[in-house]
Amino acid sequence: MLAKGVVRMVLEKETTITKEGRSGAKIYIPADIVKDSQFPFKIGEKVLLKIDTENNRLIIEKIK
């Protein structure tokens, strides 16, 4: 829960999924999202991908 008066910004931008090689795919993350101080990942960092079929979402999380 955020303190009263604190606004949480949500980084949002449309992007594309492109084919990579014979069987993979890439999701492009625009530079202004990556450069934002709120972006939680570092380039080259391993992440965990989850598919939330109930809400039709792809979730990207840091590996703990």
PDB file of N, CA and C in Angstrom:
ATOM      1  N   MET A   1       0.839  -1.179   0.000  1.00  0.00           N
ATOM      2  CA  MET A   1       0.000   0.000   0.000  1.00  0.00           C
ATOM      3  C   MET A   1       0.886   1.244   0.000  1.00  0.00           C
ATOM      4  N   LEU A   2       0.524   2.226  -0.804  1.00  0.00           N
ATOM      5  CA  LEU A   2       1.288   3.462  -0.899  1.00  0.00           C
ATOM      6  C   LEU A   2       0.812   4.472   0.124  1.00  0.00           C
ATOM      7  N   ALA A   3       1.736   5.320   0.567  1.00  0.00           N
ATOM      8  CA  ALA A   3       1.386   6.378   1.507  1.00  0.00           C
ATOM      9  C   ALA A   3       0.444   7.368   0.836  1.00  0.00           C
ATOM     10  N   LYS A   4      -0.366   8.038   1.646  1.00  0.00           N
ATOM     11  CA  LYS A   4      -1.313   9.013   1.118  1.00  0.00           C
ATOM     12  C   LYS A   4      -0.570  10.102   0.342  1.00  0.00           C
ATOM     13  N   GLY A   5      -1.067  10.406  -0.833  1.00  0.00           N
ATOM     14  CA  GLY A   5      -0.455  11.440  -1.666  1.00  0.00           C
ATOM     15  C   GLY A   5       0.647  10.949  -2.582  1.00  0.00           C
ATOM     16  N   VAL A   6       1.071   9.685  -2.428  1.00  0.00           N
ATOM     17  CA  VAL A   6       2.122   9.130  -3.276  1.00  0.00           C
ATOM     18  C   VAL A   6       1.472   8.513  -4.501  1.00  0.00           C
ATOM     19  N   VAL A   7       1.960   8.892  -5.657  1.00  0.00           N
ATOM     20  CA  VAL A   7       1.424   8.368  -6.913  1.00  0.00           C
ATOM     21  C   VAL A   7       2.408   7.347  -7.463  1.00  0.00           C
ATOM     22  N   ARG A   8       1.896   6.191  -7.823  1.00  0.00           N
ATOM     23  CA  ARG A   8       2.737   5.154  -8.419  1.00  0.00           C
ATOM     24  C   ARG A   8       2.595   5.239  -9.925  1.00  0.00           C
ATOM     25  N   MET A   9       3.695   5.471 -10.606  1.00  0.00           N
ATOM     26  CA  MET A   9       3.680   5.569 -12.063  1.00  0.00           C
ATOM     27  C   MET A   9       3.710   4.165 -12.660  1.00  0.00           C
ATOM     28  N   VAL A  10       3.000   3.985 -13.737  1.00  0.00           N
ATOM     29  CA  VAL A  10       2.995   2.710 -14.440  1.00  0.00           C
ATOM     30  C   VAL A  10       3.637   2.931 -15.798  1.00  0.00           C
ATOM     31  N   LEU A  11       4.711   2.198 -16.046  1.00  0.00           N
ATOM     32  CA  LEU A  11       5.374   2.284 -17.335  1.00  0.00           C
ATOM     33  C   LEU A  11       4.552   1.489 -18.333  1.00  0.00           C
ATOM     34  N   GLU A  12       4.214   2.118 -19.432  1.00  0.00           N
ATOM     35  CA  GLU A  12       3.352   1.454 -20.403  1.00  0.00           C
ATOM     36  C   GLU A  12       3.680   1.939 -21.801  1.00  0.00           C
ATOM     37  N   LYS A  13       3.749   1.017 -22.731  1.00  0.00           N
ATOM     38  CA  LYS A  13       4.008   1.361 -24.127  1.00  0.00           C
ATOM     39  C   LYS A  13       3.668   0.147 -24.981  1.00  0.00           C
ATOM     40  N   GLU A  14       3.100   0.377 -26.137  1.00  0.00           N
ATOM     41  CA  GLU A  14       2.843  -0.729 -27.067  1.00  0.00           C
ATOM     42  C   GLU A  14       4.163  -1.209 -27.649  1.00  0.00           C
ATOM     43  N   THR A  15       4.220  -2.492 -27.952  1.00  0.00           N
ATOM     44  CA  THR A  15       5.438  -3.063 -28.523  1.00  0.00           C
ATOM     45  C   THR A  15       5.067  -4.215 -29.454  1.00  0.00           C
ATOM     46  N   THR A  16       6.063  -4.933 -29.920  1.00  0.00           N
ATOM     47  CA  THR A  16       5.823  -6.033 -30.856  1.00  0.00           C
ATOM     48  C   THR A  16       6.510  -7.312 -30.389  1.00  0.00           C
ATOM     49  N   ILE A  17       5.957  -8.421 -30.827  1.00  0.00           N
ATOM     50  CA  ILE A  17       6.588  -9.721 -30.639  1.00  0.00           C
ATOM     51  C   ILE A  17       7.007 -10.173 -32.033  1.00  0.00           C
ATOM     52  N   THR A  18       8.279 -10.497 -32.177  1.00  0.00           N
ATOM     53  CA  THR A  18       8.785 -10.914 -33.481  1.00  0.00           C
ATOM     54  C   THR A  18       9.353 -12.327 -33.396  1.00  0.00           C
ATOM     55  N   LYS A  19       9.361 -13.003 -34.539  1.00  0.00           N
ATOM     56  CA  LYS A  19       9.903 -14.353 -34.623  1.00  0.00           C
ATOM     57  C   LYS A  19      11.421 -14.287 -34.521  1.00  0.00           C
ATOM     58  N   GLU A  20      11.985 -15.241 -33.800  1.00  0.00           N
ATOM     59  CA  GLU A  20      13.430 -15.317 -33.642  1.00  0.00           C
ATOM     60  C   GLU A  20      13.881 -16.727 -33.997  1.00  0.00           C
ATOM     61  N   GLY A  21      14.645 -16.849 -35.066  1.00  0.00           N
ATOM     62  CA  GLY A  21      15.109 -18.172 -35.473  1.00  0.00           C
ATOM     63  C   GLY A  21      13.961 -19.054 -35.930  1.00  0.00           C
ATOM     64  N   ARG A  22      14.093 -20.340 -35.688  1.00  0.00           N
ATOM     65  CA  ARG A  22      13.080 -21.294 -36.135  1.00  0.00           C
ATOM     66  C   ARG A  22      11.935 -21.479 -35.147  1.00  0.00           C
ATOM     67  N   SER A  23      12.209 -21.285 -33.849  1.00  0.00           N
ATOM     68  CA  SER A  23      11.149 -21.611 -32.892  1.00  0.00           C
ATOM     69  C   SER A  23      10.952 -20.595 -31.772  1.00  0.00           C
ATOM     70  N   GLY A  24      11.767 -19.585 -31.681  1.00  0.00           N
ATOM     71  CA  GLY A  24      11.652 -18.627 -30.582  1.00  0.00           C
ATOM     72  C   GLY A  24      10.971 -17.335 -30.991  1.00  0.00           C
ATOM     73  N   ALA A  25      10.856 -16.442 -30.030  1.00  0.00           N
ATOM     74  CA  ALA A  25      10.272 -15.127 -30.272  1.00  0.00           C
ATOM     75  C   ALA A  25      10.962 -14.111 -29.368  1.00  0.00           C
ATOM     76  N   LYS A  26      10.939 -12.846 -29.781  1.00  0.00           N
ATOM     77  CA  LYS A  26      11.491 -11.751 -28.989  1.00  0.00           C
ATOM     78  C   LYS A  26      10.409 -10.721 -28.750  1.00  0.00           C
ATOM     79  N   ILE A  27      10.418 -10.152 -27.545  1.00  0.00           N
ATOM     80  CA  ILE A  27       9.540  -9.035 -27.219  1.00  0.00           C
ATOM     81  C   ILE A  27      10.433  -7.817 -27.085  1.00  0.00           C
ATOM     82  N   TYR A  28      10.184  -6.806 -27.894  1.00  0.00           N
ATOM     83  CA  TYR A  28      10.979  -5.586 -27.861  1.00  0.00           C
ATOM     84  C   TYR A  28      10.505  -4.703 -26.718  1.00  0.00           C
ATOM     85  N   ILE A  29      11.440  -4.270 -25.871  1.00  0.00           N
ATOM     86  CA  ILE A  29      11.119  -3.321 -24.802  1.00  0.00           C
ATOM     87  C   ILE A  29      11.711  -1.981 -25.213  1.00  0.00           C
ATOM     88  N   PRO A  30      10.870  -0.984 -25.464  1.00  0.00           N
ATOM     89  CA  PRO A  30      11.348   0.315 -25.943  1.00  0.00           C
ATOM     90  C   PRO A  30      12.359   0.960 -24.997  1.00  0.00           C
ATOM     91  N   ALA A  31      13.289   1.713 -25.571  1.00  0.00           N
ATOM     92  CA  ALA A  31      14.387   2.334 -24.818  1.00  0.00           C
ATOM     93  C   ALA A  31      13.895   3.219 -23.684  1.00  0.00           C
ATOM     94  N   ASP A  32      12.824   3.976 -23.898  1.00  0.00           N
ATOM     95  CA  ASP A  32      12.375   4.873 -22.828  1.00  0.00           C
ATOM     96  C   ASP A  32      11.853   4.105 -21.615  1.00  0.00           C
ATOM     97  N   ILE A  33      11.396   2.881 -21.810  1.00  0.00           N
ATOM     98  CA  ILE A  33      10.991   2.034 -20.684  1.00  0.00           C
ATOM     99  C   ILE A  33      12.243   1.519 -19.966  1.00  0.00           C
ATOM    100  N   VAL A  34      13.202   1.007 -20.739  1.00  0.00           N
ATOM    101  CA  VAL A  34      14.430   0.446 -20.164  1.00  0.00           C
ATOM    102  C   VAL A  34      15.231   1.506 -19.417  1.00  0.00           C
ATOM    103  N   LYS A  35      15.262   2.718 -19.921  1.00  0.00           N
ATOM    104  CA  LYS A  35      16.046   3.793 -19.305  1.00  0.00           C
ATOM    105  C   LYS A  35      15.367   4.429 -18.094  1.00  0.00           C
ATOM    106  N   ASP A  36      14.081   4.164 -17.907  1.00  0.00           N
ATOM    107  CA  ASP A  36      13.346   4.749 -16.781  1.00  0.00           C
ATOM    108  C   ASP A  36      13.880   4.183 -15.461  1.00  0.00           C
ATOM    109  N   SER A  37      14.006   5.035 -14.456  1.00  0.00           N
ATOM    110  CA  SER A  37      14.543   4.612 -13.161  1.00  0.00           C
ATOM    111  C   SER A  37      13.681   3.552 -12.482  1.00  0.00           C
ATOM    112  N   GLN A  38      12.430   3.414 -12.880  1.00  0.00           N
ATOM    113  CA  GLN A  38      11.537   2.403 -12.290  1.00  0.00           C
ATOM    114  C   GLN A  38      11.665   1.032 -12.954  1.00  0.00           C
ATOM    115  N   PHE A  39      12.377   0.954 -14.068  1.00  0.00           N
ATOM    116  CA  PHE A  39      12.522  -0.334 -14.759  1.00  0.00           C
ATOM    117  C   PHE A  39      13.296  -1.276 -13.840  1.00  0.00           C
ATOM    118  N   PRO A  40      12.721  -2.424 -13.477  1.00  0.00           N
ATOM    119  CA  PRO A  40      13.306  -3.264 -12.426  1.00  0.00           C
ATOM    120  C   PRO A  40      14.379  -4.259 -12.856  1.00  0.00           C
ATOM    121  N   PHE A  41      14.742  -4.285 -14.131  1.00  0.00           N
ATOM    122  CA  PHE A  41      15.681  -5.288 -14.611  1.00  0.00           C
ATOM    123  C   PHE A  41      16.956  -4.649 -15.154  1.00  0.00           C
ATOM    124  N   LYS A  42      18.018  -5.469 -15.193  1.00  0.00           N
ATOM    125  CA  LYS A  42      19.274  -5.038 -15.799  1.00  0.00           C
ATOM    126  C   LYS A  42      19.467  -5.826 -17.084  1.00  0.00           C
ATOM    127  N   ILE A  43      20.115  -5.207 -18.052  1.00  0.00           N
ATOM    128  CA  ILE A  43      20.399  -5.890 -19.314  1.00  0.00           C
ATOM    129  C   ILE A  43      21.254  -7.126 -19.020  1.00  0.00           C
ATOM    130  N   GLY A  44      20.859  -8.257 -19.568  1.00  0.00           N
ATOM    131  CA  GLY A  44      21.579  -9.513 -19.381  1.00  0.00           C
ATOM    132  C   GLY A  44      21.124 -10.318 -18.174  1.00  0.00           C
ATOM    133  N   GLU A  45      20.276  -9.744 -17.349  1.00  0.00           N
ATOM    134  CA  GLU A  45      19.767 -10.426 -16.161  1.00  0.00           C
ATOM    135  C   GLU A  45      18.804 -11.542 -16.567  1.00  0.00           C
ATOM    136  N   LYS A  46      18.909 -12.693 -15.900  1.00  0.00           N
ATOM    137  CA  LYS A  46      17.974 -13.786 -16.166  1.00  0.00           C
ATOM    138  C   LYS A  46      16.661 -13.488 -15.462  1.00  0.00           C
ATOM    139  N   VAL A  47      15.562 -13.803 -16.142  1.00  0.00           N
ATOM    140  CA  VAL A  47      14.227 -13.555 -15.604  1.00  0.00           C
ATOM    141  C   VAL A  47      13.366 -14.801 -15.748  1.00  0.00           C
ATOM    142  N   LEU A  48      12.269 -14.820 -15.008  1.00  0.00           N
ATOM    143  CA  LEU A  48      11.310 -15.915 -15.070  1.00  0.00           C
ATOM    144  C   LEU A  48      10.075 -15.423 -15.809  1.00  0.00           C
ATOM    145  N   LEU A  49       9.635 -16.151 -16.820  1.00  0.00           N
ATOM    146  CA  LEU A  49       8.416 -15.820 -17.565  1.00  0.00           C
ATOM    147  C   LEU A  49       7.291 -16.722 -17.105  1.00  0.00           C
ATOM    148  N   LYS A  50       6.143 -16.116 -16.835  1.00  0.00           N
ATOM    149  CA  LYS A  50       4.953 -16.872 -16.456  1.00  0.00           C
ATOM    150  C   LYS A  50       3.810 -16.443 -17.359  1.00  0.00           C
ATOM    151  N   ILE A  51       2.990 -17.386 -17.754  1.00  0.00           N
ATOM    152  CA  ILE A  51       1.796 -17.065 -18.532  1.00  0.00           C
ATOM    153  C   ILE A  51       0.595 -17.216 -17.609  1.00  0.00           C
ATOM    154  N   ASP A  52      -0.114 -16.123 -17.413  1.00  0.00           N
ATOM    155  CA  ASP A  52      -1.337 -16.092 -16.606  1.00  0.00           C
ATOM    156  C   ASP A  52      -2.497 -16.269 -17.583  1.00  0.00           C
ATOM    157  N   THR A  53      -2.929 -17.504 -17.762  1.00  0.00           N
ATOM    158  CA  THR A  53      -3.983 -17.799 -18.734  1.00  0.00           C
ATOM    159  C   THR A  53      -5.335 -17.257 -18.299  1.00  0.00           C
ATOM    160  N   GLU A  54      -5.525 -17.122 -17.001  1.00  0.00           N
ATOM    161  CA  GLU A  54      -6.788 -16.609 -16.487  1.00  0.00           C
ATOM    162  C   GLU A  54      -7.012 -15.147 -16.876  1.00  0.00           C
ATOM    163  N   ASN A  55      -5.934 -14.362 -16.861  1.00  0.00           N
ATOM    164  CA  ASN A  55      -6.026 -12.936 -17.164  1.00  0.00           C
ATOM    165  C   ASN A  55      -5.375 -12.565 -18.494  1.00  0.00           C
ATOM    166  N   ASN A  56      -4.950 -13.581 -19.258  1.00  0.00           N
ATOM    167  CA  ASN A  56      -4.360 -13.364 -20.576  1.00  0.00           C
ATOM    168  C   ASN A  56      -3.163 -12.409 -20.514  1.00  0.00           C
ATOM    169  N   ARG A  57      -2.205 -12.719 -19.611  1.00  0.00           N
ATOM    170  CA  ARG A  57      -1.040 -11.859 -19.414  1.00  0.00           C
ATOM    171  C   ARG A  57       0.246 -12.669 -19.417  1.00  0.00           C
ATOM    172  N   LEU A  58       1.314 -12.014 -19.803  1.00  0.00           N
ATOM    173  CA  LEU A  58       2.662 -12.537 -19.671  1.00  0.00           C
ATOM    174  C   LEU A  58       3.288 -11.784 -18.505  1.00  0.00           C
ATOM    175  N   ILE A  59       3.819 -12.503 -17.532  1.00  0.00           N
ATOM    176  CA  ILE A  59       4.433 -11.899 -16.350  1.00  0.00           C
ATOM    177  C   ILE A  59       5.924 -12.165 -16.404  1.00  0.00           C
ATOM    178  N   ILE A  60       6.718 -11.119 -16.195  1.00  0.00           N
ATOM    179  CA  ILE A  60       8.170 -11.227 -16.163  1.00  0.00           C
ATOM    180  C   ILE A  60       8.617 -10.877 -14.751  1.00  0.00           C
ATOM    181  N   GLU A  61       9.338 -11.800 -14.110  1.00  0.00           N
ATOM    182  CA  GLU A  61       9.800 -11.593 -12.746  1.00  0.00           C
ATOM    183  C   GLU A  61      11.290 -11.836 -12.631  1.00  0.00           C
ATOM    184  N   LYS A  62      11.909 -11.152 -11.649  1.00  0.00           N
ATOM    185  CA  LYS A  62      13.304 -11.424 -11.336  1.00  0.00           C
ATOM    186  C   LYS A  62      13.391 -12.831 -10.766  1.00  0.00           C
ATOM    187  N   ILE A  63      14.492 -13.509 -11.033  1.00  0.00           N
ATOM    188  CA  ILE A  63      14.727 -14.824 -10.439  1.00  0.00           C
ATOM    189  C   ILE A  63      15.341 -14.582  -9.068  1.00  0.00           C
ATOM    190  N   LYS A  64      14.735 -15.196  -8.068  1.00  0.00           N
ATOM    191  CA  LYS A  64      15.205 -14.985  -6.682  1.00  0.00           C
ATOM    192  C   LYS A  64      16.333 -15.897  -6.326  1.00  0.00           C
TER     193      LYS A  64
END
